[in-house]
Each structure stands twice: as C-alpha cells, then as structure tokens.
Amino acid sequence: MCLGIPGQIVAITDETRQMAMAEVSGVRREVNVACVAEGALEGLVGQWALIHVGFAMSLIDEDEAEKTLIALRDLGEAQEALEQMAAGDAALAGE
C-alpha cells in the first residue's frame, strides 16, 4: 500500500530538474513536481499535493489536505493505543 502525505509547495528550488520545496507537517523537504507540473512551475507555489517518496503525485485542495492530515493523526493515535493495549496484555500474560 502506498501512502501519500499532504504537503504544501512553498518554493521552486530547481526548475530544470522540476524540484520544489514542500512543507509536510511543519517539515520542509525537497520534492520532484514533474507528475503535477502543467505550465510554469511557479504556479505550483501555494498548492497542496500528496507527497510520496519524494514526489508530488497529485494536487489536492486545502480542505482535502486538512482532512487527510487529521485522519493520519487519528490513525497514529489509534496505533499508539493498540500498542499500549498489546503491551498491557503481554504484561498480564507474564504474571
């Protein structure tokens, strides 16, 4: 399964290589925007994209980005709760 994380494109870093700086949950990383580029790359600044392994795979709107970030946060919290439950069960089994 592939997971795309929403990130906002904040700058074009290398037009020749179609590279841009994207902010993903407060962390900035360089990504390739070739898959979403249509026309001048400067038009991508401010846009939201789903980022996967260093590539902007598709453009999404801000509302979709926010909903996805909330869902990912909730999944992380659910995973943490499951791990805590599993640790508690393992401790009980060892008694």
C-alpha atoms as a PDB file:
ATOM      1  CA  MET A   1       0.000   0.000   0.000  1.00  0.00           C
ATOM      2  CA  CYS A   2       1.240   3.482  -0.844  1.00  0.00           C
ATOM      3  CA  LEU A   3       0.594   6.404   1.421  1.00  0.00           C
ATOM      4  CA  GLY A   4       0.677   9.991   0.236  1.00  0.00           C
ATOM      5  CA  ILE A   5       1.163  12.703   2.838  1.00  0.00           C
ATOM      6  CA  PRO A   6      -0.284  16.166   2.150  1.00  0.00           C
ATOM      7  CA  GLY A   7       2.329  18.872   1.733  1.00  0.00           C
ATOM      8  CA  GLN A   8       2.177  22.462   0.583  1.00  0.00           C
ATOM      9  CA  ILE A   9       4.595  23.568  -2.117  1.00  0.00           C
ATOM     10  CA  VAL A  10       6.351  26.662  -0.768  1.00  0.00           C
ATOM     11  CA  ALA A  11       9.085  27.344  -3.356  1.00  0.00           C
ATOM     12  CA  ILE A  12      10.616  26.156  -6.600  1.00  0.00           C
ATOM     13  CA  THR A  13      14.206  25.093  -5.908  1.00  0.00           C
ATOM     14  CA  ASP A  14      15.423  23.849  -9.311  1.00  0.00           C
ATOM     15  CA  GLU A  15      13.245  24.483 -12.346  1.00  0.00           C
ATOM     16  CA  THR A  16      15.461  22.444 -14.676  1.00  0.00           C
ATOM     17  CA  ARG A  17      15.137  19.314 -12.506  1.00  0.00           C
ATOM     18  CA  GLN A  18      11.487  20.156 -11.627  1.00  0.00           C
ATOM     19  CA  MET A  19      12.251  20.281  -7.905  1.00  0.00           C
ATOM     20  CA  ALA A  20      10.359  22.239  -5.276  1.00  0.00           C
ATOM     21  CA  MET A  21      10.372  22.726  -1.519  1.00  0.00           C
ATOM     22  CA  ALA A  22       7.285  21.300   0.156  1.00  0.00           C
ATOM     23  CA  GLU A  23       6.250  21.714   3.765  1.00  0.00           C
ATOM     24  CA  VAL A  24       4.927  18.461   5.199  1.00  0.00           C
ATOM     25  CA  SER A  25       3.541  18.767   8.752  1.00  0.00           C
ATOM     26  CA  GLY A  26       5.963  21.581   9.559  1.00  0.00           C
ATOM     27  CA  VAL A  27       8.987  19.875   7.986  1.00  0.00           C
ATOM     28  CA  ARG A  28      10.388  21.165   4.712  1.00  0.00           C
ATOM     29  CA  ARG A  29      11.765  18.748   2.155  1.00  0.00           C
ATOM     30  CA  GLU A  30      12.650  18.902  -1.497  1.00  0.00           C
ATOM     31  CA  VAL A  31      10.313  17.001  -3.814  1.00  0.00           C
ATOM     32  CA  ASN A  32      10.057  16.364  -7.528  1.00  0.00           C
ATOM     33  CA  VAL A  33       6.984  18.019  -9.073  1.00  0.00           C
ATOM     34  CA  ALA A  34       7.192  16.516 -12.585  1.00  0.00           C
ATOM     35  CA  CYS A  35       3.988  14.488 -12.040  1.00  0.00           C
ATOM     36  CA  VAL A  36       1.913  17.598 -11.239  1.00  0.00           C
ATOM     37  CA  ALA A  37       3.621  20.224 -13.396  1.00  0.00           C
ATOM     38  CA  GLU A  38       1.426  21.863 -16.007  1.00  0.00           C
ATOM     39  CA  GLY A  39       2.878  25.085 -17.342  1.00  0.00           C
ATOM     40  CA  ALA A  40       5.115  27.357 -15.283  1.00  0.00           C
ATOM     41  CA  LEU A  41       6.323  25.729 -12.067  1.00  0.00           C
ATOM     42  CA  GLU A  42       5.814  28.992 -10.133  1.00  0.00           C
ATOM     43  CA  GLY A  43       2.073  28.310 -10.449  1.00  0.00           C
ATOM     44  CA  LEU A  44       2.532  25.383  -8.040  1.00  0.00           C
ATOM     45  CA  VAL A  45       3.700  27.585  -5.145  1.00  0.00           C
ATOM     46  CA  GLY A  46       0.953  27.579  -2.510  1.00  0.00           C
ATOM     47  CA  GLN A  47      -0.676  24.436  -3.927  1.00  0.00           C
ATOM     48  CA  TRP A  48      -1.231  21.297  -1.844  1.00  0.00           C
ATOM     49  CA  ALA A  49      -0.063  17.931  -3.148  1.00  0.00           C
ATOM     50  CA  LEU A  50       0.050  14.343  -1.980  1.00  0.00           C
ATOM     51  CA  ILE A  51       3.744  13.572  -1.442  1.00  0.00           C
ATOM     52  CA  HIS A  52       5.082  10.024  -1.714  1.00  0.00           C
ATOM     53  CA  VAL A  53       8.789   9.051  -1.570  1.00  0.00           C
ATOM     54  CA  GLY A  54       9.959  12.479  -2.678  1.00  0.00           C
ATOM     55  CA  PHE A  55       7.433  13.008  -5.469  1.00  0.00           C
ATOM     56  CA  ALA A  56       4.360  15.220  -5.596  1.00  0.00           C
ATOM     57  CA  MET A  57       1.945  12.642  -7.008  1.00  0.00           C
ATOM     58  CA  SER A  58      -1.268  14.660  -7.332  1.00  0.00           C
ATOM     59  CA  LEU A  59      -2.632  18.082  -6.466  1.00  0.00           C
ATOM     60  CA  ILE A  60      -5.349  18.340  -3.825  1.00  0.00           C
ATOM     61  CA  ASP A  61      -7.268  21.252  -2.372  1.00  0.00           C
ATOM     62  CA  GLU A  62      -6.611  22.656   1.100  1.00  0.00           C
ATOM     63  CA  ASP A  63      -9.773  21.094   2.556  1.00  0.00           C
ATOM     64  CA  GLU A  64      -8.759  17.624   1.350  1.00  0.00           C
ATOM     65  CA  ALA A  65      -5.250  18.172   2.732  1.00  0.00           C
ATOM     66  CA  GLU A  66      -6.629  19.123   6.152  1.00  0.00           C
ATOM     67  CA  LYS A  67      -8.990  16.129   6.275  1.00  0.00           C
ATOM     68  CA  THR A  68      -6.171  13.763   5.288  1.00  0.00           C
ATOM     69  CA  LEU A  69      -3.805  15.190   7.915  1.00  0.00           C
ATOM     70  CA  ILE A  70      -6.499  14.765  10.594  1.00  0.00           C
ATOM     71  CA  ALA A  71      -7.138  11.167   9.506  1.00  0.00           C
ATOM     72  CA  LEU A  72      -3.406  10.373   9.562  1.00  0.00           C
ATOM     73  CA  ARG A  73      -3.063  11.888  13.040  1.00  0.00           C
ATOM     74  CA  ASP A  74      -6.054   9.867  14.247  1.00  0.00           C
ATOM     75  CA  LEU A  75      -4.561   6.684  12.778  1.00  0.00           C
ATOM     76  CA  GLY A  76      -1.322   7.385  14.603  1.00  0.00           C
ATOM     77  CA  GLU A  77      -3.179   7.868  17.880  1.00  0.00           C
ATOM     78  CA  ALA A  78      -5.151   4.655  17.300  1.00  0.00           C
ATOM     79  CA  GLN A  79      -1.917   2.759  16.565  1.00  0.00           C
ATOM     80  CA  GLU A  80      -0.380   4.099  19.775  1.00  0.00           C
ATOM     81  CA  ALA A  81      -3.437   2.983  21.793  1.00  0.00           C
ATOM     82  CA  LEU A  82      -3.288  -0.503  20.218  1.00  0.00           C
ATOM     83  CA  GLU A  83       0.410  -0.804  21.060  1.00  0.00           C
ATOM     84  CA  GLN A  84      -0.289   0.213  24.674  1.00  0.00           C
ATOM     85  CA  MET A  85      -3.085  -2.362  24.900  1.00  0.00           C
ATOM     86  CA  ALA A  86      -0.807  -5.061  23.470  1.00  0.00           C
ATOM     87  CA  ALA A  87       1.923  -4.161  25.968  1.00  0.00           C
ATOM     88  CA  GLY A  88      -0.617  -4.398  28.799  1.00  0.00           C
ATOM     89  CA  ASP A  89      -1.844  -7.800  27.597  1.00  0.00           C
ATOM     90  CA  ALA A  90       1.742  -9.060  27.364  1.00  0.00           C
ATOM     91  CA  ALA A  91       2.430  -7.881  30.911  1.00  0.00           C
ATOM     92  CA  LEU A  92      -0.691  -9.658  32.193  1.00  0.00           C
ATOM     93  CA  ALA A  93       0.226 -12.869  30.389  1.00  0.00           C
ATOM     94  CA  GLY A  94       3.645 -12.809  32.056  1.00  0.00           C
ATOM     95  CA  GLU A  95       2.222 -12.650  35.590  1.00  0.00           C
END
